Amino acid sequence: MIGAVCALIAVMAGAFGAHGLRGIVSERGLDVFQTAVTYQMYHAIALVALSALSLAGLNRRLLSVAAGFFLAGILLFSGSLYMLVLTDSRWIGPVTPLGGVCFMVAWTLLAVAGWRHARPSCGEEQR
């Protein structure tokens, strides 16, 4: 549900950026806004995928923590870029890399969950 809502907001933000911000912000501002939308959509889809992966038997605890980091990344990375463009508040710029770190942590946790799932347990035959 959270992934779907984040994707919906990304679509709405993309439409707003494409139609509502033209002529109001610079081309650079539009590019930054589009970057925020793109990263939000990618990670919203990742949140939706985590639900499917939990049904496939991957470690739900790791996936839950990854989901938290994906959501934090969306809020910090995309949110700070939206705020930067819409308010021209330069102080928010240093927050953006923290969101990027959250994304990297989430992808790492997802990789670990996949690796643990693919690795045979003790007594289990090699695949």
Protein backbone atom coordinates (compact mmCIF):
# COMPACT_ATOMS: atom_id res chain seq x y z
CA MET A 1 0.00 0.00 0.00
CA ILE A 2 2.77 2.45 0.89
CA GLY A 3 4.57 1.68 -2.36
CA ALA A 4 1.41 2.29 -4.36
CA VAL A 5 0.78 5.61 -2.59
CA CYS A 6 4.40 6.67 -3.21
CA ALA A 7 4.00 5.77 -6.90
CA LEU A 8 0.74 7.73 -7.11
CA ILE A 9 2.43 10.77 -5.57
CA ALA A 10 5.33 10.39 -8.03
CA VAL A 11 2.89 10.44 -10.96
CA MET A 12 1.15 13.50 -9.55
CA ALA A 13 4.47 15.24 -8.88
CA GLY A 14 5.66 14.40 -12.39
CA ALA A 15 2.54 15.91 -13.91
CA PHE A 16 2.88 18.98 -11.69
CA GLY A 17 6.51 19.37 -12.68
CA ALA A 18 5.82 18.95 -16.38
CA HIS A 19 2.80 21.23 -16.53
CA GLY A 20 2.77 23.44 -13.46
CA LEU A 21 6.41 24.40 -13.08
CA ARG A 22 7.29 25.28 -16.69
CA GLY A 23 8.08 28.98 -16.86
CA ILE A 24 8.16 29.22 -13.07
CA VAL A 25 11.44 27.48 -12.30
CA SER A 26 14.62 27.25 -14.35
CA GLU A 27 15.44 24.36 -16.67
CA ARG A 28 17.91 23.19 -14.04
CA GLY A 29 15.11 23.28 -11.46
CA LEU A 30 12.91 21.19 -13.75
CA ASP A 31 15.75 18.68 -14.16
CA VAL A 32 16.23 18.44 -10.40
CA PHE A 33 12.47 18.03 -9.90
CA GLN A 34 12.39 15.28 -12.53
CA THR A 35 15.28 13.51 -10.78
CA ALA A 36 13.25 13.53 -7.56
CA VAL A 37 10.21 12.12 -9.38
CA THR A 38 12.27 9.42 -11.10
CA TYR A 39 13.96 8.24 -7.90
CA GLN A 40 10.65 8.29 -6.06
CA MET A 41 9.00 6.13 -8.72
CA TYR A 42 11.87 3.61 -8.87
CA HIS A 43 11.79 3.18 -5.13
CA ALA A 44 8.00 3.10 -4.92
CA ILE A 45 8.13 0.17 -7.34
CA ALA A 46 10.81 -1.40 -5.13
CA LEU A 47 8.46 -1.09 -2.15
CA VAL A 48 5.72 -2.88 -4.09
CA ALA A 49 8.22 -5.57 -5.13
CA LEU A 50 9.20 -6.17 -1.51
CA SER A 51 5.66 -7.35 -0.81
CA ALA A 52 5.89 -9.91 -3.58
CA LEU A 53 9.32 -11.02 -2.42
CA SER A 54 8.03 -11.63 1.10
CA LEU A 55 5.41 -13.95 -0.40
CA ALA A 56 8.22 -15.73 -2.25
CA GLY A 57 9.80 -16.63 1.08
CA LEU A 58 12.55 -14.05 1.50
CA ASN A 59 13.33 -12.99 5.05
CA ARG A 60 10.46 -10.72 6.08
CA ARG A 61 12.47 -8.95 8.76
CA LEU A 62 15.17 -7.91 6.26
CA LEU A 63 12.53 -6.88 3.75
CA SER A 64 10.70 -4.81 6.37
CA VAL A 65 13.86 -2.98 7.35
CA ALA A 66 14.69 -2.47 3.66
CA ALA A 67 11.19 -1.03 3.15
CA GLY A 68 11.81 1.44 5.96
CA PHE A 69 15.04 2.55 4.34
CA PHE A 70 13.38 2.84 0.91
CA LEU A 71 10.67 5.04 2.43
CA ALA A 72 13.23 7.13 4.32
CA GLY A 73 15.19 7.50 1.09
CA ILE A 74 12.11 8.72 -0.76
CA LEU A 75 11.34 11.25 1.96
CA LEU A 76 14.91 12.48 2.36
CA PHE A 77 16.19 12.28 -1.22
CA SER A 78 13.14 13.13 -3.30
CA GLY A 79 11.57 15.25 -0.58
CA SER A 80 14.64 17.43 -0.20
CA LEU A 81 14.90 17.91 -3.97
CA TYR A 82 11.21 18.86 -4.20
CA MET A 83 11.70 21.34 -1.38
CA LEU A 84 14.87 22.72 -2.94
CA VAL A 85 13.12 23.42 -6.24
CA LEU A 86 9.82 24.66 -4.81
CA THR A 87 11.21 26.88 -2.05
CA ASP A 88 14.77 27.60 -3.20
CA SER A 89 15.86 26.67 0.33
CA ARG A 90 19.53 25.85 -0.15
CA TRP A 91 19.95 24.66 3.45
CA ILE A 92 18.04 21.46 2.57
CA GLY A 93 20.69 20.38 0.03
CA PRO A 94 22.83 18.43 2.54
CA VAL A 95 19.82 16.20 3.36
CA THR A 96 19.71 14.76 -0.18
CA PRO A 97 22.81 12.53 0.20
CA LEU A 98 21.34 11.05 3.39
CA GLY A 99 18.41 9.87 1.30
CA GLY A 100 20.85 8.37 -1.18
CA VAL A 101 22.54 6.48 1.65
CA CYS A 102 19.14 5.18 2.75
CA PHE A 103 18.53 3.88 -0.78
CA MET A 104 21.91 2.14 -0.79
CA VAL A 105 21.26 0.53 2.61
CA ALA A 106 17.85 -0.68 1.41
CA TRP A 107 19.26 -2.22 -1.78
CA THR A 108 22.02 -3.88 0.28
CA LEU A 109 19.43 -5.38 2.65
CA LEU A 110 17.44 -6.64 -0.32
CA ALA A 111 20.58 -8.23 -1.76
CA VAL A 112 21.31 -9.91 1.58
CA ALA A 113 17.74 -11.21 1.77
CA GLY A 114 18.08 -12.65 -1.73
CA TRP A 115 21.48 -14.14 -0.97
CA ARG A 116 20.22 -15.78 2.22
CA HIS A 117 17.22 -17.17 0.38
CA ALA A 118 19.32 -18.59 -2.46
CA ARG A 119 21.99 -20.06 -0.16
CA PRO A 120 21.19 -23.60 0.99
CA SER A 121 20.73 -24.13 4.70
CA CYS A 122 22.59 -26.81 6.61
CA GLY A 123 21.39 -30.20 5.46
CA GLU A 124 19.70 -28.82 2.36
CA GLU A 125 20.88 -30.00 -1.05
CA GLN A 126 22.81 -27.66 -3.32
CA ARG A 127 20.60 -26.05 -5.94
